[in-house]
Amino acid sequence: MSAPPQRSENPIDSDTLERISGAGFEAFEAEAILKWALDTFHPRIALSASFGGPEGMVILDLMHRIRPDARVFVLDTGRLPQATYDLIDRVRDRYGKAVEVVFPEPAAVQEMVRRDGMNLFYESVAKRQLCCRLRKVEPMNRALAELDAWVSGLRREQGVTRAGTPKVEVDRAHGGIVKVNPLADWDTDEVWQYVRDHDVPTNRLHRVGYPSVGCDPCSRAVKAGEDERAGRWWWEQPDTRECGIHVDEEEDGSGI
């Protein structure tokens, strides 16, 4: 990511933070929430897009309509499928947007792979979480350290780990910055209807049965009737299928 000035004092007061922690924004639609967030925090707010789900692309399109200079970043774990890289370039062409790419620390990944192997994530939940931590969580922490707010594509319908997602919250795991989840109450049909209505580019793997695309070895197509997150870390139980970005490690007890 580019290097904006060091984080300023939080631009919203404690009363507003308390309201954000509750349900103060639940009545607002996605576009209104994004406009509020961009008006309040730009340029120290950015969308974290994986380019592996339609939600991030819908939000990117909405943000671009509100502010063409709205920021977006992606975590390049080093294991993404080619289809994801192709979509990033399509976004550059379609929106004229310089996607900010954040990489893991090479030395840490190198040490992990030398010690535990290329495919350590299949061996245990602990090793999979370690891989996610080095490739995703720590790069995300570095990216968010430069921001006052960030935007995610989380939806309550996506699974048990996301059922309680608020539309706007205080992200205490990342220093008390604001986290905006404008599509929290959208269902899958609403997401794809927006994609069709606005001709939003999406990852081509969606067309071959991948509702959600993460790292290549940790994503697969889902079967008819399966949960849309069933293709992510499919060898694990549903309640562990998070990389750690959207889960407070101290609360979930994983420690890695």
Protein backbone atom coordinates (compact mmCIF):
# COMPACT_ATOMS: atom_id res chain seq x y z
CA MET A 1 0.00 0.00 0.00
CA SER A 2 0.99 3.62 -0.36
CA ALA A 3 2.16 5.39 2.79
CA PRO A 4 -0.35 8.04 3.93
CA PRO A 5 0.38 10.10 7.06
CA GLN A 6 0.44 8.32 10.40
CA ARG A 7 -2.99 7.56 11.81
CA SER A 8 -4.69 10.68 13.10
CA GLU A 9 -6.74 10.95 16.24
CA ASN A 10 -9.97 9.05 15.70
CA PRO A 11 -12.24 11.51 13.84
CA ILE A 12 -15.40 10.40 15.66
CA ASP A 13 -16.23 10.92 19.29
CA SER A 14 -16.83 8.31 21.98
CA ASP A 15 -20.63 8.65 21.79
CA THR A 16 -20.59 7.85 18.08
CA LEU A 17 -18.24 4.94 18.68
CA GLU A 18 -20.67 3.58 21.25
CA ARG A 19 -23.52 3.90 18.74
CA ILE A 20 -21.46 2.09 16.13
CA SER A 21 -20.86 -0.73 18.61
CA GLY A 22 -24.63 -1.14 18.91
CA ALA A 23 -27.24 -1.14 16.19
CA GLY A 24 -27.22 2.53 15.20
CA PHE A 25 -26.57 1.86 11.50
CA GLU A 26 -28.79 -1.17 10.98
CA ALA A 27 -31.60 0.82 9.36
CA PHE A 28 -29.34 2.27 6.65
CA GLU A 29 -28.91 0.80 3.16
CA ALA A 30 -25.49 -0.17 1.82
CA GLU A 31 -25.00 2.91 -0.35
CA ALA A 32 -25.91 5.30 2.50
CA ILE A 33 -23.50 3.57 4.86
CA LEU A 34 -20.68 3.72 2.32
CA LYS A 35 -21.34 7.40 1.62
CA TRP A 36 -21.20 8.15 5.35
CA ALA A 37 -17.99 6.15 5.71
CA LEU A 38 -16.26 7.77 2.73
CA ASP A 39 -17.39 11.27 3.73
CA THR A 40 -16.09 10.67 7.26
CA PHE A 41 -12.82 8.82 6.69
CA HIS A 42 -11.50 9.23 3.14
CA PRO A 43 -8.59 8.93 2.30
CA ARG A 44 -7.88 6.88 5.42
CA ILE A 45 -10.47 4.24 4.56
CA ALA A 46 -10.09 1.38 2.07
CA LEU A 47 -11.96 -1.65 0.86
CA SER A 48 -10.25 -4.96 1.59
CA ALA A 49 -11.15 -7.01 -1.49
CA SER A 50 -10.12 -10.61 -2.01
CA PHE A 51 -11.25 -10.52 -5.67
CA GLY A 52 -12.54 -14.00 -4.91
CA GLY A 53 -16.17 -13.18 -4.06
CA PRO A 54 -18.86 -11.10 -5.76
CA GLU A 55 -19.46 -9.09 -2.56
CA GLY A 56 -16.17 -7.24 -2.76
CA MET A 57 -16.80 -6.40 -6.40
CA VAL A 58 -20.28 -5.05 -5.61
CA ILE A 59 -18.82 -2.83 -2.87
CA LEU A 60 -15.98 -1.70 -5.13
CA ASP A 61 -18.55 -0.65 -7.74
CA LEU A 62 -20.68 1.17 -5.16
CA MET A 63 -17.69 2.99 -3.70
CA HIS A 64 -16.47 3.98 -7.16
CA ARG A 65 -19.87 5.52 -7.93
CA ILE A 66 -19.69 7.56 -4.71
CA ARG A 67 -15.99 8.48 -4.95
CA PRO A 68 -13.95 7.40 -7.99
CA ASP A 69 -10.77 7.82 -5.91
CA ALA A 70 -11.96 5.45 -3.16
CA ARG A 71 -9.16 3.08 -2.17
CA VAL A 72 -9.04 -0.71 -2.47
CA PHE A 73 -6.34 -3.16 -1.45
CA VAL A 74 -5.79 -6.90 -1.85
CA LEU A 75 -3.65 -9.35 0.09
CA ASP A 76 -1.49 -11.31 -2.34
CA THR A 77 -0.72 -14.45 -0.36
CA GLY A 78 1.47 -15.93 -3.08
CA ARG A 79 -1.00 -18.80 -3.56
CA LEU A 80 -3.86 -17.07 -5.38
CA PRO A 81 -5.26 -18.62 -8.58
CA GLN A 82 -4.54 -16.98 -11.93
CA ALA A 83 -8.22 -16.10 -12.28
CA THR A 84 -7.92 -13.76 -9.30
CA TYR A 85 -4.90 -11.96 -10.71
CA ASP A 86 -6.75 -11.57 -14.01
CA LEU A 87 -9.70 -9.96 -12.22
CA ILE A 88 -7.41 -7.46 -10.48
CA ASP A 89 -6.16 -6.33 -13.89
CA ARG A 90 -9.75 -6.13 -15.18
CA VAL A 91 -10.57 -3.78 -12.30
CA ARG A 92 -7.63 -1.57 -13.23
CA ASP A 93 -8.93 -1.37 -16.81
CA ARG A 94 -12.63 -0.99 -15.97
CA TYR A 95 -12.39 1.54 -13.12
CA GLY A 96 -9.00 3.12 -13.73
CA LYS A 97 -8.18 2.19 -10.15
CA ALA A 98 -4.71 1.44 -8.82
CA VAL A 99 -5.33 -1.60 -6.63
CA GLU A 100 -2.96 -1.52 -3.66
CA VAL A 101 -1.29 -4.93 -3.26
CA VAL A 102 -0.04 -6.07 0.16
CA PHE A 103 2.40 -8.98 0.43
CA PRO A 104 3.43 -11.23 3.33
CA GLU A 105 6.91 -10.98 4.81
CA PRO A 106 9.04 -13.26 2.59
CA ALA A 107 11.40 -14.41 5.35
CA ALA A 108 8.54 -15.54 7.60
CA VAL A 109 6.84 -17.51 4.79
CA GLN A 110 10.16 -19.03 3.73
CA GLU A 111 10.90 -20.23 7.25
CA MET A 112 7.41 -21.72 7.63
CA VAL A 113 7.60 -23.61 4.35
CA ARG A 114 11.10 -24.94 5.05
CA ARG A 115 9.99 -26.19 8.46
CA ASP A 116 6.47 -27.47 7.73
CA GLY A 117 6.31 -28.03 3.97
CA MET A 118 4.45 -26.43 1.08
CA ASN A 119 1.07 -27.94 1.98
CA LEU A 120 1.18 -27.76 5.78
CA PHE A 121 -2.39 -26.41 5.92
CA TYR A 122 -3.86 -29.87 5.21
CA GLU A 123 -2.18 -31.41 8.27
CA SER A 124 -4.06 -29.65 11.09
CA VAL A 125 -6.20 -26.65 11.91
CA ALA A 126 -3.27 -25.17 13.84
CA LYS A 127 -0.93 -25.36 10.85
CA ARG A 128 -3.58 -24.02 8.50
CA GLN A 129 -4.15 -21.08 10.84
CA LEU A 130 -0.40 -20.49 11.00
CA CYS A 131 -0.24 -20.31 7.21
CA CYS A 132 -3.20 -17.94 7.13
CA ARG A 133 -1.64 -15.81 9.82
CA LEU A 134 1.62 -15.30 7.95
CA ARG A 135 0.11 -14.94 4.49
CA LYS A 136 -3.04 -12.96 5.36
CA VAL A 137 -3.48 -11.81 8.96
CA GLU A 138 -0.10 -10.14 9.48
CA PRO A 139 -0.16 -8.38 6.08
CA MET A 140 -3.69 -7.23 6.89
CA ASN A 141 -2.52 -5.85 10.24
CA ARG A 142 0.14 -3.82 8.46
CA ALA A 143 -2.37 -2.48 5.95
CA LEU A 144 -4.93 -1.51 8.59
CA ALA A 145 -2.31 0.21 10.75
CA GLU A 146 -2.37 3.04 8.18
CA LEU A 147 -6.16 3.45 8.21
CA ASP A 148 -8.92 4.86 10.41
CA ALA A 149 -11.60 2.62 8.85
CA TRP A 150 -11.94 -0.29 6.46
CA VAL A 151 -14.67 -1.96 4.43
CA SER A 152 -15.35 -5.69 4.12
CA GLY A 153 -17.77 -7.84 2.16
CA LEU A 154 -18.97 -9.93 5.10
CA ARG A 155 -22.59 -11.13 4.97
CA ARG A 156 -24.55 -12.84 7.74
CA GLU A 157 -25.82 -15.48 5.36
CA GLN A 158 -22.31 -16.75 4.60
CA GLY A 159 -22.04 -19.08 7.59
CA VAL A 160 -22.15 -19.63 11.31
CA THR A 161 -18.99 -17.60 11.95
CA ARG A 162 -20.57 -14.52 10.30
CA ALA A 163 -24.20 -14.71 11.43
CA GLY A 164 -23.86 -11.84 13.92
CA THR A 165 -22.06 -9.40 11.62
CA PRO A 166 -23.18 -5.77 12.20
CA LYS A 167 -23.27 -3.23 9.38
CA VAL A 168 -20.81 -0.94 11.18
CA GLU A 169 -18.65 -1.85 14.16
CA VAL A 170 -15.58 -0.87 16.13
CA ASP A 171 -12.74 -3.22 15.19
CA ARG A 172 -11.04 -3.57 18.55
CA ALA A 173 -8.71 -6.28 17.20
CA HIS A 174 -7.16 -3.62 14.96
CA GLY A 175 -6.71 -0.73 17.34
CA GLY A 176 -10.32 0.45 17.60
CA ILE A 177 -10.69 1.56 13.99
CA VAL A 178 -14.10 1.41 12.31
CA LYS A 179 -15.09 -1.63 10.26
CA VAL A 180 -17.87 -1.25 7.72
CA ASN A 181 -19.83 -4.28 6.48
CA PRO A 182 -22.39 -2.64 4.15
CA LEU A 183 -23.74 -5.90 2.70
CA ALA A 184 -24.22 -7.62 6.06
CA ASP A 185 -27.98 -8.09 5.52
CA TRP A 186 -27.85 -8.91 1.77
CA ASP A 187 -28.62 -12.40 0.55
CA THR A 188 -26.87 -14.15 -2.34
CA ASP A 189 -29.59 -13.31 -4.84
CA GLU A 190 -29.30 -9.59 -4.06
CA VAL A 191 -25.54 -9.69 -4.60
CA TRP A 192 -25.79 -11.38 -7.98
CA GLN A 193 -28.70 -9.18 -9.06
CA TYR A 194 -26.51 -6.13 -8.49
CA VAL A 195 -23.70 -7.77 -10.49
CA ARG A 196 -26.06 -8.36 -13.41
CA ASP A 197 -27.74 -4.95 -13.24
CA HIS A 198 -24.42 -3.08 -13.29
CA ASP A 199 -22.29 -5.48 -15.34
CA VAL A 200 -19.81 -5.79 -12.49
CA PRO A 201 -16.73 -7.91 -13.31
CA THR A 202 -16.30 -11.02 -11.15
CA ASN A 203 -13.88 -13.92 -10.76
CA ARG A 204 -14.35 -16.37 -13.63
CA LEU A 205 -14.11 -19.33 -11.21
CA HIS A 206 -17.62 -18.44 -10.02
CA ARG A 207 -18.86 -19.78 -13.36
CA VAL A 208 -17.45 -23.24 -12.65
CA GLY A 209 -18.92 -23.72 -9.18
CA TYR A 210 -16.71 -21.63 -6.89
CA PRO A 211 -18.94 -19.28 -4.84
CA SER A 212 -15.88 -18.10 -2.88
CA VAL A 213 -12.26 -18.09 -4.06
CA GLY A 214 -9.31 -17.78 -1.71
CA CYS A 215 -5.88 -19.36 -2.03
CA ASP A 216 -5.76 -21.94 -4.80
CA PRO A 217 -5.06 -25.05 -2.67
CA CYS A 218 -7.68 -24.03 -0.08
CA SER A 219 -10.62 -23.43 -2.45
CA ARG A 220 -12.78 -25.78 -4.48
CA ALA A 221 -16.10 -25.86 -6.28
CA VAL A 222 -19.12 -26.75 -4.15
CA LYS A 223 -21.77 -29.37 -4.79
CA ALA A 224 -25.43 -28.61 -5.35
CA GLY A 225 -27.10 -27.77 -2.05
CA GLU A 226 -23.86 -27.12 -0.17
CA ASP A 227 -23.27 -23.94 1.83
CA GLU A 228 -21.57 -21.26 -0.25
CA ARG A 229 -18.53 -21.30 2.08
CA ALA A 230 -18.26 -25.09 1.89
CA GLY A 231 -15.51 -24.82 -0.70
CA ARG A 232 -13.16 -22.91 1.62
CA TRP A 233 -10.96 -25.14 3.84
CA TRP A 234 -13.48 -27.89 3.12
CA TRP A 235 -11.55 -30.49 5.15
CA GLU A 236 -12.32 -28.58 8.38
CA GLN A 237 -15.48 -28.17 10.43
CA PRO A 238 -17.63 -25.09 9.57
CA ASP A 239 -16.86 -23.32 12.86
CA THR A 240 -13.10 -23.13 12.11
CA ARG A 241 -13.32 -21.92 8.50
CA GLU A 242 -11.93 -18.42 9.02
CA CYS A 243 -8.44 -17.15 8.26
CA GLY A 244 -8.28 -14.92 11.34
CA ILE A 245 -8.88 -11.55 9.69
CA HIS A 246 -12.51 -11.37 10.79
CA VAL A 247 -12.09 -13.22 14.10
CA ASP A 248 -10.49 -11.83 17.26
CA GLU A 249 -7.83 -14.41 18.09
CA GLU A 250 -8.02 -13.62 21.79
CA GLU A 251 -11.76 -14.30 21.74
CA ASP A 252 -11.66 -17.49 19.68
CA GLY A 253 -8.76 -18.91 21.64
CA SER A 254 -6.80 -20.11 18.61
CA GLY A 255 -3.70 -18.09 19.45
CA ILE A 256 -2.44 -18.39 15.84
